[in-house]
C-alpha cells in the first residue's frame, strides 16, 4: 500500500487547477513540479516518498495572500481528500508536514524516519532561496505580485522581517544535503534582497 501513489490522476487534475489560478505567480504548478523533481533527486533518502509527494501536492493547495490559515486549510484538504487512501498515522504525518510550512520548523515526530522525511520536504520547499541569482530575483518579483495589494513601505518591512528571520537562523536548511547544495547561495541571495529592501525608495 505504501508504494501506491496517493495522488491519483483525477486528484492531480483537481489540484493542478487550484495551482493554475490567475493570482498565483510563484505558488503555482511550476513550484510543485520543481519540488517533485527534487523529491525524485533525493528519493533514495526518503523513507516514505509517496507521503512526501502527497505533502508536496497539497502544501499550497489553498493559497490566499490575505489569509493567515493557508497551511491549516491545505492540511485539512489533504485529510479530506486522502482519507480512506491510507492509514491515520500516515495521514497525520502528511498533515504535519504541510502545517510545518507555516514556520519551516520541524514537526515533533517520535519517529526518526518521519522527521528525516519532513526535513527533506521543508528543504525542498525552500530550495528556491538557494537558486541562481536571476531565478531568485524572479521568485522575489513573483511573490511581490502575489502581495500586490500590500503598499510598498509595508511590503518592505514585512518581507525584510522574513528575510532577517531566515538569515538569523544557524541553518536555513535542515539537512546536510541541502545545506551543502543551497545554503551559501541562499544567504547571498537573501542578504542582497534585504539590502535592496532597506534602500530608500
N, C-alpha and C. Protein backbone atom coordinates (compact mmCIF):
# COMPACT_ATOMS: atom_id res chain seq x y z
N UNK A 1 0.83 -1.21 0.00
CA UNK A 1 0.00 0.00 0.00
C UNK A 1 0.87 1.27 0.00
N UNK A 2 2.02 1.21 0.71
CA UNK A 2 2.88 2.38 0.81
C UNK A 2 3.48 2.78 -0.54
N UNK A 3 3.59 1.81 -1.45
CA UNK A 3 4.17 2.12 -2.75
C UNK A 3 3.14 2.62 -3.76
N UNK A 4 1.86 2.55 -3.39
CA UNK A 4 0.82 3.05 -4.28
C UNK A 4 0.80 4.58 -4.22
N UNK A 5 0.71 5.25 -5.37
CA UNK A 5 0.61 6.72 -5.33
C UNK A 5 -0.65 7.16 -4.58
N UNK A 6 -0.52 8.18 -3.77
CA UNK A 6 -1.68 8.72 -3.05
C UNK A 6 -2.42 9.74 -3.91
N UNK A 7 -1.73 10.27 -4.90
CA UNK A 7 -2.34 11.27 -5.77
C UNK A 7 -2.68 10.60 -7.10
N UNK A 8 -3.94 10.21 -7.24
CA UNK A 8 -4.32 9.55 -8.50
C UNK A 8 -4.55 10.62 -9.58
N UNK A 9 -4.69 10.21 -10.85
CA UNK A 9 -4.80 11.20 -11.93
C UNK A 9 -5.93 12.21 -11.74
N UNK A 10 -7.07 11.77 -11.22
CA UNK A 10 -8.20 12.70 -11.03
C UNK A 10 -7.86 13.76 -9.98
N UNK A 11 -7.23 13.33 -8.89
CA UNK A 11 -6.86 14.26 -7.83
C UNK A 11 -5.75 15.20 -8.32
N UNK A 12 -4.83 14.68 -9.10
CA UNK A 12 -3.76 15.50 -9.67
C UNK A 12 -4.36 16.62 -10.54
N UNK A 13 -5.37 16.26 -11.34
CA UNK A 13 -6.03 17.26 -12.19
C UNK A 13 -6.73 18.32 -11.34
N UNK A 14 -7.42 17.85 -10.30
CA UNK A 14 -8.15 18.77 -9.40
C UNK A 14 -7.19 19.74 -8.72
N UNK A 15 -6.08 19.22 -8.21
CA UNK A 15 -5.10 20.07 -7.53
C UNK A 15 -4.40 21.00 -8.53
N UNK A 16 -4.11 20.48 -9.70
CA UNK A 16 -3.45 21.31 -10.73
C UNK A 16 -4.28 22.55 -11.04
N UNK A 17 -5.58 22.38 -11.07
CA UNK A 17 -6.48 23.51 -11.34
C UNK A 17 -6.32 24.60 -10.27
N UNK A 18 -6.20 24.18 -9.01
CA UNK A 18 -6.01 25.16 -7.92
C UNK A 18 -4.71 25.94 -8.12
N UNK A 19 -3.67 25.23 -8.52
CA UNK A 19 -2.36 25.86 -8.68
C UNK A 19 -2.27 26.74 -9.92
N UNK A 20 -3.26 26.64 -10.80
CA UNK A 20 -3.24 27.44 -12.02
C UNK A 20 -4.11 28.70 -11.92
N UNK A 21 -4.54 29.03 -10.71
CA UNK A 21 -5.35 30.24 -10.52
C UNK A 21 -4.54 31.47 -10.94
N UNK A 22 -5.24 32.48 -11.44
CA UNK A 22 -4.57 33.66 -12.02
C UNK A 22 -3.71 34.43 -11.03
N UNK A 23 -4.09 34.40 -9.75
CA UNK A 23 -3.36 35.21 -8.77
C UNK A 23 -2.12 34.51 -8.21
N UNK A 24 -1.79 33.34 -8.76
CA UNK A 24 -0.60 32.62 -8.29
C UNK A 24 0.54 32.89 -9.26
N UNK A 25 1.52 33.61 -8.77
CA UNK A 25 2.66 33.96 -9.61
C UNK A 25 3.89 33.14 -9.22
N UNK A 26 3.96 32.73 -7.96
CA UNK A 26 5.03 31.81 -7.53
C UNK A 26 4.45 30.50 -7.00
N UNK A 27 3.44 30.58 -6.16
CA UNK A 27 2.88 29.38 -5.54
C UNK A 27 1.94 28.67 -6.53
N UNK A 28 2.55 28.23 -7.62
CA UNK A 28 1.79 27.68 -8.73
C UNK A 28 2.30 26.28 -9.08
N UNK A 29 1.87 25.79 -10.23
CA UNK A 29 2.23 24.43 -10.62
C UNK A 29 3.73 24.26 -10.84
N UNK A 30 4.39 25.32 -11.31
CA UNK A 30 5.84 25.24 -11.53
C UNK A 30 6.57 24.98 -10.21
N UNK A 31 6.08 25.59 -9.13
CA UNK A 31 6.67 25.36 -7.80
C UNK A 31 6.49 23.90 -7.37
N UNK A 32 5.31 23.35 -7.61
CA UNK A 32 5.05 21.95 -7.27
C UNK A 32 5.94 21.03 -8.09
N UNK A 33 6.04 21.31 -9.38
CA UNK A 33 6.86 20.47 -10.26
C UNK A 33 8.34 20.53 -9.87
N UNK A 34 8.80 21.71 -9.46
CA UNK A 34 10.19 21.84 -9.02
C UNK A 34 10.43 21.01 -7.76
N UNK A 35 9.48 21.03 -6.84
CA UNK A 35 9.62 20.22 -5.62
C UNK A 35 9.54 18.73 -5.92
N UNK A 36 8.66 18.34 -6.83
CA UNK A 36 8.56 16.92 -7.20
C UNK A 36 9.86 16.45 -7.85
N UNK A 37 10.49 17.33 -8.64
CA UNK A 37 11.77 16.98 -9.25
C UNK A 37 12.84 16.76 -8.18
N UNK A 38 12.85 17.60 -7.15
CA UNK A 38 13.80 17.43 -6.04
C UNK A 38 13.49 16.15 -5.27
N UNK A 39 12.20 15.85 -5.09
CA UNK A 39 11.83 14.60 -4.41
C UNK A 39 12.36 13.41 -5.20
N UNK A 40 12.38 13.54 -6.52
CA UNK A 40 12.96 12.49 -7.35
C UNK A 40 14.47 12.40 -7.16
N UNK A 41 15.13 13.55 -7.10
CA UNK A 41 16.59 13.59 -6.89
C UNK A 41 16.99 12.90 -5.59
N UNK A 42 16.19 13.11 -4.55
CA UNK A 42 16.54 12.63 -3.21
C UNK A 42 15.69 11.43 -2.77
N UNK A 43 15.06 10.78 -3.74
CA UNK A 43 14.12 9.70 -3.42
C UNK A 43 14.75 8.60 -2.57
N UNK A 44 16.01 8.28 -2.83
CA UNK A 44 16.66 7.20 -2.08
C UNK A 44 16.83 7.55 -0.60
N UNK A 45 16.75 8.84 -0.26
CA UNK A 45 16.89 9.26 1.14
C UNK A 45 15.55 9.28 1.87
N UNK A 46 14.46 9.18 1.11
CA UNK A 46 13.13 9.29 1.72
C UNK A 46 12.64 7.94 2.22
N UNK A 47 12.11 7.93 3.42
CA UNK A 47 11.53 6.70 3.97
C UNK A 47 10.18 6.41 3.34
N UNK A 48 9.38 7.46 3.12
CA UNK A 48 8.05 7.29 2.56
C UNK A 48 7.85 8.32 1.44
N UNK A 49 8.47 8.07 0.26
CA UNK A 49 8.41 9.06 -0.81
C UNK A 49 6.99 9.41 -1.25
N UNK A 50 6.07 8.45 -1.18
CA UNK A 50 4.70 8.74 -1.61
C UNK A 50 4.02 9.74 -0.67
N UNK A 51 4.31 9.64 0.61
CA UNK A 51 3.75 10.59 1.57
C UNK A 51 4.33 11.99 1.34
N UNK A 52 5.62 12.05 1.04
CA UNK A 52 6.26 13.34 0.77
C UNK A 52 5.67 13.94 -0.51
N UNK A 53 5.47 13.12 -1.53
CA UNK A 53 4.84 13.61 -2.77
C UNK A 53 3.45 14.16 -2.49
N UNK A 54 2.69 13.47 -1.64
CA UNK A 54 1.34 13.96 -1.30
C UNK A 54 1.43 15.30 -0.57
N UNK A 55 2.38 15.42 0.35
CA UNK A 55 2.55 16.69 1.08
C UNK A 55 2.93 17.81 0.12
N UNK A 56 3.77 17.50 -0.86
CA UNK A 56 4.14 18.50 -1.88
C UNK A 56 2.89 18.97 -2.64
N UNK A 57 2.11 18.01 -3.10
CA UNK A 57 0.92 18.36 -3.89
C UNK A 57 -0.07 19.21 -3.11
N UNK A 58 -0.20 18.96 -1.82
CA UNK A 58 -1.23 19.66 -1.03
C UNK A 58 -0.73 20.91 -0.31
N UNK A 59 0.58 21.11 -0.16
CA UNK A 59 1.04 22.08 0.84
C UNK A 59 0.64 23.53 0.53
N UNK A 60 0.47 23.87 -0.74
CA UNK A 60 0.00 25.21 -1.11
C UNK A 60 -1.33 25.15 -1.85
N UNK A 61 -2.06 24.06 -1.67
CA UNK A 61 -3.32 23.90 -2.41
C UNK A 61 -4.27 25.06 -2.15
N UNK A 62 -4.33 25.50 -0.90
CA UNK A 62 -5.10 26.70 -0.54
C UNK A 62 -4.10 27.83 -0.36
N UNK A 63 -4.22 28.86 -1.17
CA UNK A 63 -3.26 29.97 -1.07
C UNK A 63 -3.97 31.29 -1.34
N UNK A 64 -4.10 32.06 -0.28
CA UNK A 64 -4.69 33.39 -0.36
C UNK A 64 -3.73 34.30 0.40
N UNK A 65 -3.09 35.23 -0.30
CA UNK A 65 -2.06 36.06 0.34
C UNK A 65 -2.62 36.94 1.46
N UNK A 66 -3.95 37.08 1.51
CA UNK A 66 -4.55 37.89 2.59
C UNK A 66 -4.92 37.04 3.81
N UNK A 67 -4.79 35.73 3.69
CA UNK A 67 -5.21 34.83 4.79
C UNK A 67 -4.01 34.40 5.63
N UNK A 68 -4.31 34.01 6.86
CA UNK A 68 -3.26 33.56 7.78
C UNK A 68 -3.33 32.05 8.02
N UNK A 69 -4.32 31.39 7.41
CA UNK A 69 -4.55 29.97 7.74
C UNK A 69 -4.42 29.06 6.51
N UNK A 70 -3.62 29.50 5.52
CA UNK A 70 -3.49 28.70 4.30
C UNK A 70 -2.99 27.28 4.57
N UNK A 71 -1.99 27.19 5.44
CA UNK A 71 -1.39 25.87 5.71
C UNK A 71 -2.41 24.96 6.41
N UNK A 72 -3.14 25.51 7.38
CA UNK A 72 -4.14 24.70 8.09
C UNK A 72 -5.24 24.25 7.14
N UNK A 73 -5.65 25.13 6.25
CA UNK A 73 -6.70 24.77 5.29
C UNK A 73 -6.19 23.77 4.26
N UNK A 74 -4.94 23.91 3.86
CA UNK A 74 -4.36 22.95 2.91
C UNK A 74 -4.23 21.57 3.56
N UNK A 75 -3.82 21.55 4.83
CA UNK A 75 -3.70 20.27 5.56
C UNK A 75 -5.08 19.62 5.71
N UNK A 76 -6.08 20.44 6.00
CA UNK A 76 -7.45 19.92 6.15
C UNK A 76 -7.95 19.34 4.83
N UNK A 77 -7.60 20.00 3.72
CA UNK A 77 -8.00 19.50 2.40
C UNK A 77 -7.32 18.15 2.13
N UNK A 78 -6.05 18.04 2.50
CA UNK A 78 -5.33 16.77 2.31
C UNK A 78 -6.01 15.65 3.10
N UNK A 79 -6.36 15.95 4.35
CA UNK A 79 -7.01 14.94 5.19
C UNK A 79 -8.36 14.51 4.59
N UNK A 80 -9.08 15.49 4.06
CA UNK A 80 -10.39 15.19 3.47
C UNK A 80 -10.25 14.34 2.20
N UNK A 81 -9.29 14.70 1.36
CA UNK A 81 -9.15 14.03 0.06
C UNK A 81 -8.46 12.67 0.17
N UNK A 82 -7.61 12.50 1.18
CA UNK A 82 -6.82 11.27 1.27
C UNK A 82 -7.38 10.25 2.26
N UNK A 83 -8.40 10.64 3.03
CA UNK A 83 -8.97 9.69 3.98
C UNK A 83 -9.47 8.47 3.22
N UNK A 84 -9.17 7.31 3.72
CA UNK A 84 -9.54 6.09 3.02
C UNK A 84 -8.48 5.58 2.08
N UNK A 85 -7.54 6.48 1.68
CA UNK A 85 -6.45 6.07 0.79
C UNK A 85 -5.26 5.51 1.56
N UNK A 86 -5.20 5.85 2.86
CA UNK A 86 -4.05 5.45 3.66
C UNK A 86 -4.45 5.42 5.13
N UNK A 87 -3.53 4.99 5.99
CA UNK A 87 -3.88 4.88 7.42
C UNK A 87 -3.77 6.23 8.11
N UNK A 88 -4.37 6.30 9.29
CA UNK A 88 -4.46 7.57 10.03
C UNK A 88 -3.09 8.11 10.41
N UNK A 89 -2.18 7.23 10.80
CA UNK A 89 -0.84 7.67 11.21
C UNK A 89 -0.09 8.35 10.07
N UNK A 90 -0.20 7.75 8.91
CA UNK A 90 0.47 8.31 7.73
C UNK A 90 -0.17 9.63 7.33
N UNK A 91 -1.49 9.68 7.40
CA UNK A 91 -2.21 10.90 7.08
C UNK A 91 -1.84 12.03 8.05
N UNK A 92 -1.66 11.68 9.31
CA UNK A 92 -1.22 12.68 10.30
C UNK A 92 0.16 13.22 9.98
N UNK A 93 1.04 12.34 9.50
CA UNK A 93 2.41 12.78 9.13
C UNK A 93 2.35 13.74 7.94
N UNK A 94 1.53 13.41 6.96
CA UNK A 94 1.38 14.28 5.79
C UNK A 94 0.84 15.65 6.22
N UNK A 95 -0.18 15.63 7.06
CA UNK A 95 -0.78 16.87 7.55
C UNK A 95 0.23 17.70 8.34
N UNK A 96 1.01 17.05 9.18
CA UNK A 96 2.01 17.76 10.00
C UNK A 96 3.08 18.40 9.12
N UNK A 97 3.47 17.71 8.04
CA UNK A 97 4.46 18.29 7.12
C UNK A 97 3.90 19.56 6.47
N UNK A 98 2.64 19.50 6.06
CA UNK A 98 2.01 20.66 5.43
C UNK A 98 1.93 21.83 6.42
N UNK A 99 1.49 21.55 7.63
CA UNK A 99 1.38 22.59 8.66
C UNK A 99 2.74 23.23 8.97
N UNK A 100 3.80 22.44 8.87
CA UNK A 100 5.15 22.94 9.19
C UNK A 100 5.64 23.97 8.20
N UNK A 101 5.03 24.03 7.01
CA UNK A 101 5.48 25.04 6.04
C UNK A 101 5.12 26.46 6.48
N UNK A 102 4.30 26.59 7.50
CA UNK A 102 3.96 27.93 8.02
C UNK A 102 5.18 28.59 8.67
N UNK A 103 6.00 27.79 9.34
CA UNK A 103 7.17 28.35 10.05
C UNK A 103 8.50 27.76 9.57
N UNK A 104 8.42 26.65 8.85
CA UNK A 104 9.60 25.88 8.45
C UNK A 104 10.41 25.40 9.64
N UNK A 105 9.73 25.20 10.77
CA UNK A 105 10.31 24.50 11.91
C UNK A 105 9.88 23.04 11.80
N UNK A 106 10.75 22.13 12.21
CA UNK A 106 10.44 20.70 12.08
C UNK A 106 9.29 20.27 12.98
N UNK A 107 8.37 19.46 12.46
CA UNK A 107 7.34 18.89 13.33
C UNK A 107 7.97 17.92 14.33
N UNK A 108 7.35 17.76 15.47
CA UNK A 108 7.89 16.88 16.50
C UNK A 108 7.35 15.46 16.32
N UNK A 109 8.04 14.67 15.54
CA UNK A 109 7.68 13.27 15.36
C UNK A 109 8.51 12.42 16.32
N UNK A 110 7.95 11.30 16.78
CA UNK A 110 8.74 10.40 17.62
C UNK A 110 9.40 9.31 16.76
N UNK A 111 9.41 9.55 15.47
CA UNK A 111 9.94 8.59 14.51
C UNK A 111 11.03 9.28 13.70
N UNK A 112 12.26 8.78 13.79
CA UNK A 112 13.40 9.43 13.13
C UNK A 112 13.23 9.48 11.61
N UNK A 113 12.66 8.43 11.04
CA UNK A 113 12.48 8.39 9.58
C UNK A 113 11.47 9.45 9.13
N UNK A 114 10.40 9.63 9.91
CA UNK A 114 9.40 10.65 9.57
C UNK A 114 9.99 12.05 9.71
N UNK A 115 10.83 12.24 10.72
CA UNK A 115 11.49 13.53 10.92
C UNK A 115 12.42 13.84 9.76
N UNK A 116 13.14 12.82 9.31
CA UNK A 116 14.05 12.97 8.17
C UNK A 116 13.26 13.34 6.91
N UNK A 117 12.14 12.66 6.68
CA UNK A 117 11.31 12.98 5.52
C UNK A 117 10.81 14.42 5.59
N UNK A 118 10.37 14.83 6.77
CA UNK A 118 9.88 16.21 6.94
C UNK A 118 11.00 17.22 6.71
N UNK A 119 12.21 16.90 7.16
CA UNK A 119 13.37 17.78 6.95
C UNK A 119 13.63 17.99 5.47
N UNK A 120 13.63 16.89 4.73
CA UNK A 120 13.87 16.98 3.28
C UNK A 120 12.74 17.72 2.58
N UNK A 121 11.51 17.45 2.98
CA UNK A 121 10.35 18.12 2.39
C UNK A 121 10.43 19.64 2.59
N UNK A 122 10.71 20.08 3.83
CA UNK A 122 10.80 21.51 4.11
C UNK A 122 11.96 22.15 3.34
N UNK A 123 13.06 21.42 3.22
CA UNK A 123 14.20 21.94 2.46
C UNK A 123 13.87 22.07 0.98
N UNK A 124 13.13 21.13 0.46
CA UNK A 124 12.70 21.23 -0.95
C UNK A 124 11.87 22.49 -1.16
N UNK A 125 11.00 22.79 -0.21
CA UNK A 125 10.12 23.95 -0.32
C UNK A 125 10.93 25.25 -0.36
N UNK A 126 12.06 25.28 0.35
CA UNK A 126 12.87 26.50 0.43
C UNK A 126 14.03 26.52 -0.56
N UNK A 127 14.14 25.50 -1.39
CA UNK A 127 15.32 25.41 -2.27
C UNK A 127 15.46 26.61 -3.20
N UNK A 128 14.33 27.26 -3.55
CA UNK A 128 14.37 28.45 -4.41
C UNK A 128 15.27 29.53 -3.81
N UNK A 129 15.38 29.57 -2.50
CA UNK A 129 16.21 30.59 -1.84
C UNK A 129 17.68 30.45 -2.24
N UNK A 130 18.09 29.23 -2.57
CA UNK A 130 19.48 28.98 -2.94
C UNK A 130 19.69 28.81 -4.43
N UNK A 131 18.73 29.30 -5.22
CA UNK A 131 18.85 29.18 -6.67
C UNK A 131 19.80 30.26 -7.21
N UNK A 132 20.09 30.18 -8.50
CA UNK A 132 20.94 31.19 -9.14
C UNK A 132 20.30 32.57 -8.97
N UNK A 133 21.12 33.63 -8.90
CA UNK A 133 20.58 34.97 -8.61
C UNK A 133 19.42 35.39 -9.50
N UNK A 134 19.46 35.10 -10.80
CA UNK A 134 18.36 35.54 -11.66
C UNK A 134 17.06 34.79 -11.34
N UNK A 135 17.18 33.50 -11.01
CA UNK A 135 15.99 32.72 -10.63
C UNK A 135 15.44 33.21 -9.29
N UNK A 136 16.33 33.53 -8.37
CA UNK A 136 15.90 34.06 -7.07
C UNK A 136 15.19 35.39 -7.25
N UNK A 137 15.73 36.26 -8.10
CA UNK A 137 15.12 37.57 -8.33
C UNK A 137 13.73 37.43 -8.96
N UNK A 138 13.59 36.47 -9.87
CA UNK A 138 12.28 36.22 -10.49
C UNK A 138 11.29 35.73 -9.43
N UNK A 139 11.77 34.89 -8.50
CA UNK A 139 10.93 34.41 -7.39
C UNK A 139 10.47 35.58 -6.52
N UNK A 140 11.40 36.47 -6.19
CA UNK A 140 11.05 37.62 -5.35
C UNK A 140 10.00 38.50 -6.04
N UNK A 141 10.17 38.72 -7.34
CA UNK A 141 9.18 39.53 -8.08
C UNK A 141 7.82 38.84 -8.11
N UNK A 142 7.83 37.53 -8.27
CA UNK A 142 6.57 36.77 -8.33
C UNK A 142 5.84 36.83 -6.99
N UNK A 143 6.56 36.71 -5.90
CA UNK A 143 5.93 36.79 -4.58
C UNK A 143 5.40 38.21 -4.35
N UNK A 144 6.15 39.19 -4.79
CA UNK A 144 5.68 40.59 -4.66
C UNK A 144 4.35 40.78 -5.40
N UNK A 145 4.21 40.17 -6.58
CA UNK A 145 2.97 40.27 -7.34
C UNK A 145 1.81 39.60 -6.59
N UNK A 146 2.12 38.50 -5.90
CA UNK A 146 1.07 37.83 -5.12
C UNK A 146 0.58 38.71 -3.97
N UNK A 147 1.47 39.58 -3.53
CA UNK A 147 1.11 40.52 -2.45
C UNK A 147 0.95 41.93 -3.02
N UNK A 148 0.45 42.02 -4.23
CA UNK A 148 0.31 43.32 -4.90
C UNK A 148 -0.57 44.30 -4.15
N UNK A 149 -1.45 43.78 -3.30
CA UNK A 149 -2.36 44.63 -2.52
C UNK A 149 -1.66 45.32 -1.34
N UNK A 150 -0.44 44.87 -1.02
CA UNK A 150 0.29 45.46 0.13
C UNK A 150 1.07 46.69 -0.36
N UNK A 151 0.92 47.80 0.34
CA UNK A 151 1.63 49.02 -0.04
C UNK A 151 3.14 48.83 0.17
N UNK A 152 3.91 49.52 -0.65
CA UNK A 152 5.36 49.30 -0.70
C UNK A 152 6.06 49.41 0.67
N UNK A 153 5.80 50.44 1.48
CA UNK A 153 6.51 50.50 2.78
C UNK A 153 6.20 49.28 3.66
N UNK A 154 4.94 48.86 3.65
CA UNK A 154 4.56 47.69 4.45
C UNK A 154 5.22 46.43 3.89
N UNK A 155 5.26 46.33 2.58
CA UNK A 155 5.89 45.17 1.95
C UNK A 155 7.37 45.10 2.33
N UNK A 156 8.06 46.22 2.22
CA UNK A 156 9.49 46.24 2.54
C UNK A 156 9.75 45.81 3.99
N UNK A 157 8.92 46.32 4.89
CA UNK A 157 9.09 45.97 6.30
C UNK A 157 8.79 44.49 6.54
N UNK A 158 7.68 44.02 5.97
CA UNK A 158 7.27 42.63 6.19
C UNK A 158 8.22 41.63 5.57
N UNK A 159 8.57 41.89 4.31
CA UNK A 159 9.49 40.97 3.62
C UNK A 159 10.87 41.02 4.25
N UNK A 160 11.27 42.21 4.65
CA UNK A 160 12.57 42.35 5.32
C UNK A 160 12.62 41.53 6.60
N UNK A 161 11.53 41.54 7.35
CA UNK A 161 11.47 40.78 8.61
C UNK A 161 11.58 39.27 8.34
N UNK A 162 10.93 38.79 7.28
CA UNK A 162 11.01 37.37 6.93
C UNK A 162 12.44 36.99 6.59
N UNK A 163 13.09 37.82 5.75
CA UNK A 163 14.47 37.52 5.34
C UNK A 163 15.42 37.56 6.54
N UNK A 164 15.24 38.55 7.41
CA UNK A 164 16.09 38.65 8.61
C UNK A 164 15.94 37.41 9.49
N UNK A 165 14.69 36.93 9.62
CA UNK A 165 14.43 35.74 10.43
C UNK A 165 15.21 34.54 9.90
N UNK A 166 15.14 34.34 8.58
CA UNK A 166 15.87 33.20 7.99
C UNK A 166 17.37 33.38 8.14
N UNK A 167 17.87 34.59 7.89
CA UNK A 167 19.32 34.82 7.95
C UNK A 167 19.85 34.67 9.38
N UNK A 168 18.98 34.90 10.38
CA UNK A 168 19.41 34.79 11.78
C UNK A 168 19.49 33.34 12.25
N UNK A 169 18.88 32.43 11.50
CA UNK A 169 18.91 31.02 11.91
C UNK A 169 20.32 30.44 11.73
N UNK A 170 20.72 29.53 12.61
CA UNK A 170 22.04 28.90 12.44
C UNK A 170 22.15 28.21 11.08
N UNK A 171 21.04 27.62 10.63
CA UNK A 171 20.98 26.99 9.31
C UNK A 171 19.62 27.30 8.70
N UNK A 172 19.61 27.61 7.42
CA UNK A 172 18.35 27.83 6.72
C UNK A 172 17.72 26.47 6.40
N UNK A 173 18.59 25.52 6.03
CA UNK A 173 18.12 24.19 5.63
C UNK A 173 18.36 23.19 6.77
N UNK A 174 17.48 22.21 6.87
CA UNK A 174 17.55 21.23 7.96
C UNK A 174 18.55 20.11 7.68
N UNK A 175 18.73 19.77 6.40
CA UNK A 175 19.56 18.61 6.08
C UNK A 175 20.93 19.01 5.55
N UNK A 176 21.90 18.13 5.80
CA UNK A 176 23.25 18.36 5.32
C UNK A 176 23.29 18.47 3.79
N UNK A 177 22.49 17.63 3.14
CA UNK A 177 22.48 17.62 1.67
C UNK A 177 22.08 18.98 1.09
N UNK A 178 21.03 19.56 1.65
CA UNK A 178 20.56 20.85 1.14
C UNK A 178 21.44 22.00 1.60
N UNK A 179 22.02 21.87 2.80
CA UNK A 179 22.96 22.92 3.24
C UNK A 179 24.13 23.02 2.28
N UNK A 180 24.67 21.87 1.90
CA UNK A 180 25.82 21.88 1.01
C UNK A 180 25.44 22.42 -0.37
N UNK A 181 24.26 22.06 -0.84
CA UNK A 181 23.87 22.42 -2.20
C UNK A 181 23.34 23.84 -2.31
N UNK A 182 22.63 24.33 -1.29
CA UNK A 182 21.90 25.59 -1.43
C UNK A 182 22.23 26.69 -0.42
N UNK A 183 22.75 26.33 0.75
CA UNK A 183 22.86 27.33 1.84
C UNK A 183 23.73 28.54 1.49
N UNK A 184 24.95 28.36 0.96
CA UNK A 184 25.78 29.55 0.71
C UNK A 184 25.10 30.54 -0.25
N UNK A 185 24.54 30.03 -1.33
CA UNK A 185 23.87 30.90 -2.29
C UNK A 185 22.61 31.52 -1.70
N UNK A 186 21.89 30.76 -0.88
CA UNK A 186 20.67 31.29 -0.24
C UNK A 186 21.01 32.50 0.62
N UNK A 187 22.09 32.40 1.37
CA UNK A 187 22.48 33.53 2.25
C UNK A 187 22.88 34.75 1.42
N UNK A 188 23.60 34.53 0.33
CA UNK A 188 23.98 35.64 -0.55
C UNK A 188 22.73 36.29 -1.16
N UNK A 189 21.81 35.45 -1.65
CA UNK A 189 20.59 35.96 -2.29
C UNK A 189 19.76 36.79 -1.31
N UNK A 190 19.56 36.25 -0.11
CA UNK A 190 18.69 36.92 0.85
C UNK A 190 19.33 38.20 1.39
N UNK A 191 20.64 38.17 1.59
CA UNK A 191 21.34 39.38 2.06
C UNK A 191 21.23 40.49 1.01
N UNK A 192 21.37 40.11 -0.24
CA UNK A 192 21.26 41.08 -1.34
C UNK A 192 19.84 41.64 -1.42
N UNK A 193 18.85 40.77 -1.28
CA UNK A 193 17.46 41.20 -1.33
C UNK A 193 17.13 42.13 -0.16
N UNK A 194 17.65 41.78 1.00
CA UNK A 194 17.41 42.60 2.20
C UNK A 194 18.01 43.99 2.02
N UNK A 195 19.20 44.05 1.44
CA UNK A 195 19.87 45.33 1.19
C UNK A 195 19.02 46.20 0.27
N UNK A 196 18.45 45.59 -0.77
CA UNK A 196 17.60 46.32 -1.71
C UNK A 196 16.34 46.84 -1.00
N UNK A 197 15.74 45.98 -0.15
CA UNK A 197 14.52 46.39 0.55
C UNK A 197 14.77 47.53 1.52
N UNK A 198 15.99 47.62 2.05
CA UNK A 198 16.29 48.62 3.06
C UNK A 198 16.76 49.96 2.46
N UNK A 199 16.98 49.97 1.15
CA UNK A 199 17.38 51.23 0.49
C UNK A 199 16.19 52.17 0.45
N UNK A 200 16.44 53.47 0.56
CA UNK A 200 15.31 54.42 0.44
C UNK A 200 14.67 54.28 -0.94
N UNK A 201 13.34 54.28 -0.97
CA UNK A 201 12.66 54.09 -2.27
C UNK A 201 12.61 55.42 -3.04
